[in-house]
mmCIF file of all heavy atoms, coordinates in Angstrom:
data_MODEL
# 
_entry.id   MODEL 
# 
loop_
_atom_site.group_PDB 
_atom_site.id 
_atom_site.type_symbol 
_atom_site.label_atom_id 
_atom_site.label_alt_id 
_atom_site.label_comp_id 
_atom_site.label_asym_id 
_atom_site.label_entity_id 
_atom_site.label_seq_id 
_atom_site.pdbx_PDB_ins_code 
_atom_site.Cartn_x 
_atom_site.Cartn_y 
_atom_site.Cartn_z 
_atom_site.occupancy 
_atom_site.B_iso_or_equiv 
_atom_site.pdbx_formal_charge 
_atom_site.auth_seq_id 
_atom_site.auth_comp_id 
_atom_site.auth_asym_id 
_atom_site.auth_atom_id 
_atom_site.pdbx_PDB_model_num 
ATOM 1   N N   . VAL A 1 1  ? -30.550 2.913   42.179 1.00 0.00 ? 1  VAL A N   1 
ATOM 2   C CA  . VAL A 1 1  ? -30.043 2.305   43.413 1.00 0.00 ? 1  VAL A CA  1 
ATOM 3   C C   . VAL A 1 1  ? -30.518 0.857   43.509 1.00 0.00 ? 1  VAL A C   1 
ATOM 4   O O   . VAL A 1 1  ? -29.741 -0.042  43.852 1.00 0.00 ? 1  VAL A O   1 
ATOM 5   C CB  . VAL A 1 1  ? -30.479 3.129   44.647 1.00 0.00 ? 1  VAL A CB  1 
ATOM 6   C CG1 . VAL A 1 1  ? -30.115 2.412   45.930 1.00 0.00 ? 1  VAL A CG1 1 
ATOM 7   C CG2 . VAL A 1 1  ? -29.850 4.501   44.622 1.00 0.00 ? 1  VAL A CG2 1 
ATOM 8   N N   . LEU A 1 2  ? -31.766 0.617   43.193 1.00 0.00 ? 2  LEU A N   1 
ATOM 9   C CA  . LEU A 1 2  ? -32.294 -0.750  43.221 1.00 0.00 ? 2  LEU A CA  1 
ATOM 10  C C   . LEU A 1 2  ? -31.609 -1.635  42.180 1.00 0.00 ? 2  LEU A C   1 
ATOM 11  O O   . LEU A 1 2  ? -31.303 -2.806  42.450 1.00 0.00 ? 2  LEU A O   1 
ATOM 12  C CB  . LEU A 1 2  ? -33.800 -0.743  42.995 1.00 0.00 ? 2  LEU A CB  1 
ATOM 13  C CG  . LEU A 1 2  ? -34.651 -0.189  44.131 1.00 0.00 ? 2  LEU A CG  1 
ATOM 14  C CD1 . LEU A 1 2  ? -36.105 -0.090  43.700 1.00 0.00 ? 2  LEU A CD1 1 
ATOM 15  C CD2 . LEU A 1 2  ? -34.514 -1.047  45.365 1.00 0.00 ? 2  LEU A CD2 1 
ATOM 16  N N   . ALA A 1 3  ? -31.352 -1.089  41.010 1.00 0.00 ? 3  ALA A N   1 
ATOM 17  C CA  . ALA A 1 3  ? -30.661 -1.854  39.971 1.00 0.00 ? 3  ALA A CA  1 
ATOM 18  C C   . ALA A 1 3  ? -29.233 -2.192  40.405 1.00 0.00 ? 3  ALA A C   1 
ATOM 19  O O   . ALA A 1 3  ? -28.774 -3.319  40.201 1.00 0.00 ? 3  ALA A O   1 
ATOM 20  C CB  . ALA A 1 3  ? -30.652 -1.077  38.668 1.00 0.00 ? 3  ALA A CB  1 
ATOM 21  N N   . MET A 1 4  ? -28.537 -1.244  40.996 1.00 0.00 ? 4  MET A N   1 
ATOM 22  C CA  . MET A 1 4  ? -27.179 -1.503  41.493 1.00 0.00 ? 4  MET A CA  1 
ATOM 23  C C   . MET A 1 4  ? -27.186 -2.572  42.573 1.00 0.00 ? 4  MET A C   1 
ATOM 24  O O   . MET A 1 4  ? -26.310 -3.438  42.622 1.00 0.00 ? 4  MET A O   1 
ATOM 25  C CB  . MET A 1 4  ? -26.559 -0.218  42.043 1.00 0.00 ? 4  MET A CB  1 
ATOM 26  C CG  . MET A 1 4  ? -26.048 0.710   40.994 1.00 0.00 ? 4  MET A CG  1 
ATOM 27  S SD  . MET A 1 4  ? -24.689 0.022   40.066 1.00 0.00 ? 4  MET A SD  1 
ATOM 28  C CE  . MET A 1 4  ? -23.489 -0.208  41.350 1.00 0.00 ? 4  MET A CE  1 
ATOM 29  N N   . PHE A 1 5  ? -28.171 -2.509  43.460 1.00 0.00 ? 5  PHE A N   1 
ATOM 30  C CA  . PHE A 1 5  ? -28.281 -3.516  44.518 1.00 0.00 ? 5  PHE A CA  1 
ATOM 31  C C   . PHE A 1 5  ? -28.535 -4.889  43.910 1.00 0.00 ? 5  PHE A C   1 
ATOM 32  O O   . PHE A 1 5  ? -27.941 -5.878  44.340 1.00 0.00 ? 5  PHE A O   1 
ATOM 33  C CB  . PHE A 1 5  ? -29.408 -3.128  45.479 1.00 0.00 ? 5  PHE A CB  1 
ATOM 34  C CG  . PHE A 1 5  ? -29.500 -4.030  46.665 1.00 0.00 ? 5  PHE A CG  1 
ATOM 35  C CD1 . PHE A 1 5  ? -28.581 -3.960  47.691 1.00 0.00 ? 5  PHE A CD1 1 
ATOM 36  C CD2 . PHE A 1 5  ? -30.511 -4.972  46.752 1.00 0.00 ? 5  PHE A CD2 1 
ATOM 37  C CE1 . PHE A 1 5  ? -28.666 -4.802  48.787 1.00 0.00 ? 5  PHE A CE1 1 
ATOM 38  C CE2 . PHE A 1 5  ? -30.601 -5.823  47.839 1.00 0.00 ? 5  PHE A CE2 1 
ATOM 39  C CZ  . PHE A 1 5  ? -29.681 -5.732  48.865 1.00 0.00 ? 5  PHE A CZ  1 
ATOM 40  N N   . ALA A 1 6  ? -29.376 -4.976  42.898 1.00 0.00 ? 6  ALA A N   1 
ATOM 41  C CA  . ALA A 1 6  ? -29.657 -6.261  42.245 1.00 0.00 ? 6  ALA A CA  1 
ATOM 42  C C   . ALA A 1 6  ? -28.419 -6.796  41.534 1.00 0.00 ? 6  ALA A C   1 
ATOM 43  O O   . ALA A 1 6  ? -28.122 -7.999  41.617 1.00 0.00 ? 6  ALA A O   1 
ATOM 44  C CB  . ALA A 1 6  ? -30.813 -6.114  41.254 1.00 0.00 ? 6  ALA A CB  1 
ATOM 45  N N   . ILE A 1 7  ? -27.678 -5.942  40.854 1.00 0.00 ? 7  ILE A N   1 
ATOM 46  C CA  . ILE A 1 7  ? -26.455 -6.360  40.166 1.00 0.00 ? 7  ILE A CA  1 
ATOM 47  C C   . ILE A 1 7  ? -25.421 -6.855  41.173 1.00 0.00 ? 7  ILE A C   1 
ATOM 48  O O   . ILE A 1 7  ? -24.806 -7.909  40.994 1.00 0.00 ? 7  ILE A O   1 
ATOM 49  C CB  . ILE A 1 7  ? -25.893 -5.209  39.312 1.00 0.00 ? 7  ILE A CB  1 
ATOM 50  C CG1 . ILE A 1 7  ? -26.825 -4.912  38.142 1.00 0.00 ? 7  ILE A CG1 1 
ATOM 51  C CG2 . ILE A 1 7  ? -24.489 -5.513  38.818 1.00 0.00 ? 7  ILE A CG2 1 
ATOM 52  C CD1 . ILE A 1 7  ? -26.493 -3.631  37.400 1.00 0.00 ? 7  ILE A CD1 1 
ATOM 53  N N   . THR A 1 8  ? -25.246 -6.115  42.258 1.00 0.00 ? 8  THR A N   1 
ATOM 54  C CA  . THR A 1 8  ? -24.257 -6.493  43.270 1.00 0.00 ? 8  THR A CA  1 
ATOM 55  C C   . THR A 1 8  ? -24.642 -7.784  43.972 1.00 0.00 ? 8  THR A C   1 
ATOM 56  O O   . THR A 1 8  ? -23.805 -8.665  44.180 1.00 0.00 ? 8  THR A O   1 
ATOM 57  C CB  . THR A 1 8  ? -24.092 -5.358  44.298 1.00 0.00 ? 8  THR A CB  1 
ATOM 58  O OG1 . THR A 1 8  ? -23.779 -4.156  43.603 1.00 0.00 ? 8  THR A OG1 1 
ATOM 59  C CG2 . THR A 1 8  ? -23.006 -5.664  45.295 1.00 0.00 ? 8  THR A CG2 1 
ATOM 60  N N   . ALA A 1 9  ? -25.908 -7.915  44.349 1.00 0.00 ? 9  ALA A N   1 
ATOM 61  C CA  . ALA A 1 9  ? -26.355 -9.123  45.051 1.00 0.00 ? 9  ALA A CA  1 
ATOM 62  C C   . ALA A 1 9  ? -26.256 -10.350 44.148 1.00 0.00 ? 9  ALA A C   1 
ATOM 63  O O   . ALA A 1 9  ? -25.807 -11.418 44.582 1.00 0.00 ? 9  ALA A O   1 
ATOM 64  C CB  . ALA A 1 9  ? -27.786 -8.943  45.544 1.00 0.00 ? 9  ALA A CB  1 
ATOM 65  N N   . SER A 1 10 ? -26.643 -10.217 42.903 1.00 0.00 ? 10 SER A N   1 
ATOM 66  C CA  . SER A 1 10 ? -26.565 -11.338 41.969 1.00 0.00 ? 10 SER A CA  1 
ATOM 67  C C   . SER A 1 10 ? -25.121 -11.775 41.755 1.00 0.00 ? 10 SER A C   1 
ATOM 68  O O   . SER A 1 10 ? -24.821 -12.977 41.752 1.00 0.00 ? 10 SER A O   1 
ATOM 69  C CB  . SER A 1 10 ? -27.206 -10.942 40.640 1.00 0.00 ? 10 SER A CB  1 
ATOM 70  O OG  . SER A 1 10 ? -27.049 -11.963 39.704 1.00 0.00 ? 10 SER A OG  1 
ATOM 71  N N   . THR A 1 11 ? -24.228 -10.817 41.594 1.00 0.00 ? 11 THR A N   1 
ATOM 72  C CA  . THR A 1 11 ? -22.814 -11.145 41.419 1.00 0.00 ? 11 THR A CA  1 
ATOM 73  C C   . THR A 1 11 ? -22.241 -11.793 42.675 1.00 0.00 ? 11 THR A C   1 
ATOM 74  O O   . THR A 1 11 ? -21.476 -12.757 42.585 1.00 0.00 ? 11 THR A O   1 
ATOM 75  C CB  . THR A 1 11 ? -22.030 -9.874  41.059 1.00 0.00 ? 11 THR A CB  1 
ATOM 76  O OG1 . THR A 1 11 ? -22.612 -9.277  39.901 1.00 0.00 ? 11 THR A OG1 1 
ATOM 77  C CG2 . THR A 1 11 ? -20.574 -10.181 40.793 1.00 0.00 ? 11 THR A CG2 1 
ATOM 78  N N   . ALA A 1 12 ? -22.625 -11.297 43.843 1.00 0.00 ? 12 ALA A N   1 
ATOM 79  C CA  . ALA A 1 12 ? -22.126 -11.878 45.092 1.00 0.00 ? 12 ALA A CA  1 
ATOM 80  C C   . ALA A 1 12 ? -22.603 -13.321 45.258 1.00 0.00 ? 12 ALA A C   1 
ATOM 81  O O   . ALA A 1 12 ? -21.822 -14.197 45.672 1.00 0.00 ? 12 ALA A O   1 
ATOM 82  C CB  . ALA A 1 12 ? -22.580 -11.030 46.274 1.00 0.00 ? 12 ALA A CB  1 
ATOM 83  N N   . PHE A 1 13 ? -23.853 -13.596 44.951 1.00 0.00 ? 13 PHE A N   1 
ATOM 84  C CA  . PHE A 1 13 ? -24.362 -14.968 45.060 1.00 0.00 ? 13 PHE A CA  1 
ATOM 85  C C   . PHE A 1 13 ? -23.667 -15.898 44.064 1.00 0.00 ? 13 PHE A C   1 
ATOM 86  O O   . PHE A 1 13 ? -23.332 -17.038 44.400 1.00 0.00 ? 13 PHE A O   1 
ATOM 87  C CB  . PHE A 1 13 ? -25.874 -15.013 44.847 1.00 0.00 ? 13 PHE A CB  1 
ATOM 88  C CG  . PHE A 1 13 ? -26.657 -14.571 46.041 1.00 0.00 ? 13 PHE A CG  1 
ATOM 89  C CD1 . PHE A 1 13 ? -27.621 -13.596 45.920 1.00 0.00 ? 13 PHE A CD1 1 
ATOM 90  C CD2 . PHE A 1 13 ? -26.445 -15.123 47.284 1.00 0.00 ? 13 PHE A CD2 1 
ATOM 91  C CE1 . PHE A 1 13 ? -28.352 -13.168 47.015 1.00 0.00 ? 13 PHE A CE1 1 
ATOM 92  C CE2 . PHE A 1 13 ? -27.165 -14.721 48.394 1.00 0.00 ? 13 PHE A CE2 1 
ATOM 93  C CZ  . PHE A 1 13 ? -28.122 -13.732 48.253 1.00 0.00 ? 13 PHE A CZ  1 
ATOM 94  N N   . ALA A 1 14 ? -23.430 -15.424 42.849 1.00 0.00 ? 14 ALA A N   1 
ATOM 95  C CA  . ALA A 1 14 ? -22.767 -16.257 41.840 1.00 0.00 ? 14 ALA A CA  1 
ATOM 96  C C   . ALA A 1 14 ? -21.333 -16.571 42.240 1.00 0.00 ? 14 ALA A C   1 
ATOM 97  O O   . ALA A 1 14 ? -20.883 -17.719 42.144 1.00 0.00 ? 14 ALA A O   1 
ATOM 98  C CB  . ALA A 1 14 ? -22.807 -15.567 40.477 1.00 0.00 ? 14 ALA A CB  1 
ATOM 99  N N   . VAL A 1 15 ? -20.601 -15.575 42.714 1.00 0.00 ? 15 VAL A N   1 
ATOM 100 C CA  . VAL A 1 15 ? -19.219 -15.800 43.137 1.00 0.00 ? 15 VAL A CA  1 
ATOM 101 C C   . VAL A 1 15 ? -19.172 -16.684 44.384 1.00 0.00 ? 15 VAL A C   1 
ATOM 102 O O   . VAL A 1 15 ? -18.295 -17.542 44.511 1.00 0.00 ? 15 VAL A O   1 
ATOM 103 C CB  . VAL A 1 15 ? -18.493 -14.456 43.358 1.00 0.00 ? 15 VAL A CB  1 
ATOM 104 C CG1 . VAL A 1 15 ? -17.144 -14.649 44.004 1.00 0.00 ? 15 VAL A CG1 1 
ATOM 105 C CG2 . VAL A 1 15 ? -18.349 -13.716 42.054 1.00 0.00 ? 15 VAL A CG2 1 
ATOM 106 N N   . ALA A 1 16 ? -20.123 -16.507 45.291 1.00 0.00 ? 16 ALA A N   1 
ATOM 107 C CA  . ALA A 1 16 ? -20.169 -17.353 46.492 1.00 0.00 ? 16 ALA A CA  1 
ATOM 108 C C   . ALA A 1 16 ? -20.433 -18.814 46.132 1.00 0.00 ? 16 ALA A C   1 
ATOM 109 O O   . ALA A 1 16 ? -19.773 -19.715 46.656 1.00 0.00 ? 16 ALA A O   1 
ATOM 110 C CB  . ALA A 1 16 ? -21.240 -16.842 47.449 1.00 0.00 ? 16 ALA A CB  1 
ATOM 111 N N   . ALA A 1 17 ? -21.369 -19.059 45.230 1.00 0.00 ? 17 ALA A N   1 
ATOM 112 C CA  . ALA A 1 17 ? -21.655 -20.440 44.829 1.00 0.00 ? 17 ALA A CA  1 
ATOM 113 C C   . ALA A 1 17 ? -20.465 -21.051 44.107 1.00 0.00 ? 17 ALA A C   1 
ATOM 114 O O   . ALA A 1 17 ? -20.121 -22.222 44.343 1.00 0.00 ? 17 ALA A O   1 
ATOM 115 C CB  . ALA A 1 17 ? -22.891 -20.487 43.942 1.00 0.00 ? 17 ALA A CB  1 
ATOM 116 N N   . LEU A 1 18 ? -19.819 -20.290 43.246 1.00 0.00 ? 18 LEU A N   1 
ATOM 117 C CA  . LEU A 1 18 ? -18.634 -20.776 42.557 1.00 0.00 ? 18 LEU A CA  1 
ATOM 118 C C   . LEU A 1 18 ? -17.509 -21.064 43.549 1.00 0.00 ? 18 LEU A C   1 
ATOM 119 O O   . LEU A 1 18 ? -16.798 -22.074 43.429 1.00 0.00 ? 18 LEU A O   1 
ATOM 120 C CB  . LEU A 1 18 ? -18.178 -19.762 41.510 1.00 0.00 ? 18 LEU A CB  1 
ATOM 121 C CG  . LEU A 1 18 ? -16.978 -20.130 40.655 1.00 0.00 ? 18 LEU A CG  1 
ATOM 122 C CD1 . LEU A 1 18 ? -17.307 -21.328 39.775 1.00 0.00 ? 18 LEU A CD1 1 
ATOM 123 C CD2 . LEU A 1 18 ? -16.554 -18.952 39.814 1.00 0.00 ? 18 LEU A CD2 1 
ATOM 124 N N   . SER A 1 19 ? -17.362 -20.222 44.548 1.00 0.00 ? 19 SER A N   1 
ATOM 125 C CA  . SER A 1 19 ? -16.327 -20.423 45.568 1.00 0.00 ? 19 SER A CA  1 
ATOM 126 C C   . SER A 1 19 ? -16.599 -21.657 46.414 1.00 0.00 ? 19 SER A C   1 
ATOM 127 O O   . SER A 1 19 ? -15.677 -22.419 46.733 1.00 0.00 ? 19 SER A O   1 
ATOM 128 C CB  . SER A 1 19 ? -16.232 -19.192 46.469 1.00 0.00 ? 19 SER A CB  1 
ATOM 129 O OG  . SER A 1 19 ? -15.904 -18.058 45.724 1.00 0.00 ? 19 SER A OG  1 
ATOM 130 N N   . ILE A 1 20 ? -17.850 -21.860 46.793 1.00 0.00 ? 20 ILE A N   1 
ATOM 131 C CA  . ILE A 1 20 ? -18.197 -23.041 47.593 1.00 0.00 ? 20 ILE A CA  1 
ATOM 132 C C   . ILE A 1 20 ? -17.954 -24.312 46.790 1.00 0.00 ? 20 ILE A C   1 
ATOM 133 O O   . ILE A 1 20 ? -17.374 -25.282 47.294 1.00 0.00 ? 20 ILE A O   1 
ATOM 134 C CB  . ILE A 1 20 ? -19.652 -22.945 48.080 1.00 0.00 ? 20 ILE A CB  1 
ATOM 135 C CG1 . ILE A 1 20 ? -19.781 -21.830 49.112 1.00 0.00 ? 20 ILE A CG1 1 
ATOM 136 C CG2 . ILE A 1 20 ? -20.125 -24.268 48.673 1.00 0.00 ? 20 ILE A CG2 1 
ATOM 137 C CD1 . ILE A 1 20 ? -21.206 -21.493 49.459 1.00 0.00 ? 20 ILE A CD1 1 
ATOM 138 N N   . TRP A 1 21 ? -18.378 -24.327 45.531 1.00 0.00 ? 21 TRP A N   1 
ATOM 139 C CA  . TRP A 1 21 ? -18.135 -25.490 44.690 1.00 0.00 ? 21 TRP A CA  1 
ATOM 140 C C   . TRP A 1 21 ? -16.642 -25.758 44.544 1.00 0.00 ? 21 TRP A C   1 
ATOM 141 O O   . TRP A 1 21 ? -16.186 -26.893 44.643 1.00 0.00 ? 21 TRP A O   1 
ATOM 142 C CB  . TRP A 1 21 ? -18.769 -25.289 43.316 1.00 0.00 ? 21 TRP A CB  1 
ATOM 143 C CG  . TRP A 1 21 ? -18.383 -26.354 42.355 1.00 0.00 ? 21 TRP A CG  1 
ATOM 144 C CD1 . TRP A 1 21 ? -18.869 -27.619 42.279 1.00 0.00 ? 21 TRP A CD1 1 
ATOM 145 C CD2 . TRP A 1 21 ? -17.381 -26.246 41.344 1.00 0.00 ? 21 TRP A CD2 1 
ATOM 146 N NE1 . TRP A 1 21 ? -18.238 -28.300 41.266 1.00 0.00 ? 21 TRP A NE1 1 
ATOM 147 C CE2 . TRP A 1 21 ? -17.319 -27.484 40.679 1.00 0.00 ? 21 TRP A CE2 1 
ATOM 148 C CE3 . TRP A 1 21 ? -16.542 -25.218 40.925 1.00 0.00 ? 21 TRP A CE3 1 
ATOM 149 C CZ2 . TRP A 1 21 ? -16.448 -27.719 39.631 1.00 0.00 ? 21 TRP A CZ2 1 
ATOM 150 C CZ3 . TRP A 1 21 ? -15.680 -25.462 39.880 1.00 0.00 ? 21 TRP A CZ3 1 
ATOM 151 C CH2 . TRP A 1 21 ? -15.642 -26.692 39.249 1.00 0.00 ? 21 TRP A CH2 1 
ATOM 152 N N   . SER A 1 22 ? -15.884 -24.704 44.320 1.00 0.00 ? 22 SER A N   1 
ATOM 153 C CA  . SER A 1 22 ? -14.450 -24.859 44.143 1.00 0.00 ? 22 SER A CA  1 
ATOM 154 C C   . SER A 1 22 ? -13.774 -25.355 45.415 1.00 0.00 ? 22 SER A C   1 
ATOM 155 O O   . SER A 1 22 ? -12.880 -26.198 45.365 1.00 0.00 ? 22 SER A O   1 
ATOM 156 C CB  . SER A 1 22 ? -13.838 -23.527 43.711 1.00 0.00 ? 22 SER A CB  1 
ATOM 157 O OG  . SER A 1 22 ? -12.460 -23.646 43.544 1.00 0.00 ? 22 SER A OG  1 
ATOM 158 N N   . SER A 1 23 ? -14.212 -24.867 46.568 1.00 0.00 ? 23 SER A N   1 
ATOM 159 C CA  . SER A 1 23 ? -13.598 -25.309 47.821 1.00 0.00 ? 23 SER A CA  1 
ATOM 160 C C   . SER A 1 23 ? -13.939 -26.755 48.148 1.00 0.00 ? 23 SER A C   1 
ATOM 161 O O   . SER A 1 23 ? -13.144 -27.461 48.758 1.00 0.00 ? 23 SER A O   1 
ATOM 162 C CB  . SER A 1 23 ? -14.021 -24.398 48.969 1.00 0.00 ? 23 SER A CB  1 
ATOM 163 O OG  . SER A 1 23 ? -15.392 -24.561 49.247 1.00 0.00 ? 23 SER A OG  1 
ATOM 164 N N   . VAL A 1 24 ? -15.095 -27.217 47.718 1.00 0.00 ? 24 VAL A N   1 
ATOM 165 C CA  . VAL A 1 24 ? -15.456 -28.611 47.936 1.00 0.00 ? 24 VAL A CA  1 
ATOM 166 C C   . VAL A 1 24 ? -14.638 -29.515 47.018 1.00 0.00 ? 24 VAL A C   1 
ATOM 167 O O   . VAL A 1 24 ? -14.246 -30.616 47.406 1.00 0.00 ? 24 VAL A O   1 
ATOM 168 C CB  . VAL A 1 24 ? -16.975 -28.811 47.713 1.00 0.00 ? 24 VAL A CB  1 
ATOM 169 C CG1 . VAL A 1 24 ? -17.331 -30.269 47.653 1.00 0.00 ? 24 VAL A CG1 1 
ATOM 170 C CG2 . VAL A 1 24 ? -17.752 -28.148 48.836 1.00 0.00 ? 24 VAL A CG2 1 
ATOM 171 N N   . GLN A 1 25 ? -14.356 -29.077 45.817 1.00 0.00 ? 25 GLN A N   1 
ATOM 172 C CA  . GLN A 1 25 ? -13.629 -29.891 44.845 1.00 0.00 ? 25 GLN A CA  1 
ATOM 173 C C   . GLN A 1 25 ? -12.125 -29.926 45.102 1.00 0.00 ? 25 GLN A C   1 
ATOM 174 O O   . GLN A 1 25 ? -11.471 -30.914 44.786 1.00 0.00 ? 25 GLN A O   1 
ATOM 175 C CB  . GLN A 1 25 ? -13.880 -29.371 43.425 1.00 0.00 ? 25 GLN A CB  1 
ATOM 176 C CG  . GLN A 1 25 ? -15.313 -29.443 42.980 1.00 0.00 ? 25 GLN A CG  1 
ATOM 177 C CD  . GLN A 1 25 ? -15.823 -30.866 42.914 1.00 0.00 ? 25 GLN A CD  1 
ATOM 178 O OE1 . GLN A 1 25 ? -15.108 -31.780 42.582 1.00 0.00 ? 25 GLN A OE1 1 
ATOM 179 N NE2 . GLN A 1 25 ? -17.079 -31.052 43.263 1.00 0.00 ? 25 GLN A NE2 1 
ATOM 180 N N   . ALA A 1 26 ? -11.582 -28.874 45.652 1.00 0.00 ? 26 ALA A N   1 
ATOM 181 C CA  . ALA A 1 26 ? -10.134 -28.777 45.817 1.00 0.00 ? 26 ALA A CA  1 
ATOM 182 C C   . ALA A 1 26 ? -9.673  -29.435 47.112 1.00 0.00 ? 26 ALA A C   1 
ATOM 183 O O   . ALA A 1 26 ? -10.416 -29.505 48.089 1.00 0.00 ? 26 ALA A O   1 
ATOM 184 C CB  . ALA A 1 26 ? -9.706  -27.312 45.803 1.00 0.00 ? 26 ALA A CB  1 
ATOM 185 N N   . ARG A 1 27 ? -8.446  -29.894 47.088 1.00 0.00 ? 27 ARG A N   1 
ATOM 186 C CA  . ARG A 1 27 ? -7.866  -30.496 48.298 1.00 0.00 ? 27 ARG A CA  1 
ATOM 187 C C   . ARG A 1 27 ? -7.343  -29.433 49.254 1.00 0.00 ? 27 ARG A C   1 
ATOM 188 O O   . ARG A 1 27 ? -7.351  -29.626 50.454 1.00 0.00 ? 27 ARG A O   1 
ATOM 189 C CB  . ARG A 1 27 ? -6.731  -31.436 47.915 1.00 0.00 ? 27 ARG A CB  1 
ATOM 190 C CG  . ARG A 1 27 ? -7.194  -32.677 47.219 1.00 0.00 ? 27 ARG A CG  1 
ATOM 191 C CD  . ARG A 1 27 ? -6.041  -33.657 47.093 1.00 0.00 ? 27 ARG A CD  1 
ATOM 192 N NE  . ARG A 1 27 ? -6.438  -34.847 46.395 1.00 0.00 ? 27 ARG A NE  1 
ATOM 193 C CZ  . ARG A 1 27 ? -6.934  -35.923 46.996 1.00 0.00 ? 27 ARG A CZ  1 
ATOM 194 N NH1 . ARG A 1 27 ? -7.102  -35.917 48.287 1.00 0.00 ? 27 ARG A NH1 1 
ATOM 195 N NH2 . ARG A 1 27 ? -7.265  -36.973 46.289 1.00 0.00 ? 27 ARG A NH2 1 
ATOM 196 N N   . ARG A 1 28 ? -6.845  -28.331 48.717 1.00 0.00 ? 28 ARG A N   1 
ATOM 197 C CA  . ARG A 1 28 ? -6.295  -27.265 49.547 1.00 0.00 ? 28 ARG A CA  1 
ATOM 198 C C   . ARG A 1 28 ? -7.029  -25.963 49.260 1.00 0.00 ? 28 ARG A C   1 
ATOM 199 O O   . ARG A 1 28 ? -7.523  -25.742 48.155 1.00 0.00 ? 28 ARG A O   1 
ATOM 200 C CB  . ARG A 1 28 ? -4.809  -27.078 49.251 1.00 0.00 ? 28 ARG A CB  1 
ATOM 201 C CG  . ARG A 1 28 ? -3.967  -28.275 49.647 1.00 0.00 ? 28 ARG A CG  1 
ATOM 202 C CD  . ARG A 1 28 ? -2.543  -28.015 49.327 1.00 0.00 ? 28 ARG A CD  1 
ATOM 203 N NE  . ARG A 1 28 ? -2.408  -27.819 47.880 1.00 0.00 ? 28 ARG A NE  1 
ATOM 204 C CZ  . ARG A 1 28 ? -1.313  -28.030 47.215 1.00 0.00 ? 28 ARG A CZ  1 
ATOM 205 N NH1 . ARG A 1 28 ? -0.242  -28.425 47.836 1.00 0.00 ? 28 ARG A NH1 1 
ATOM 206 N NH2 . ARG A 1 28 ? -1.256  -27.827 45.919 1.00 0.00 ? 28 ARG A NH2 1 
# 
């Protein structure tokens, strides 16, 4: 359960950072 939580949290943070960077770079 702890390993699944770590995998999910790490993936969520990576996708969130990628999304924020992408939204700052894009016009729309």
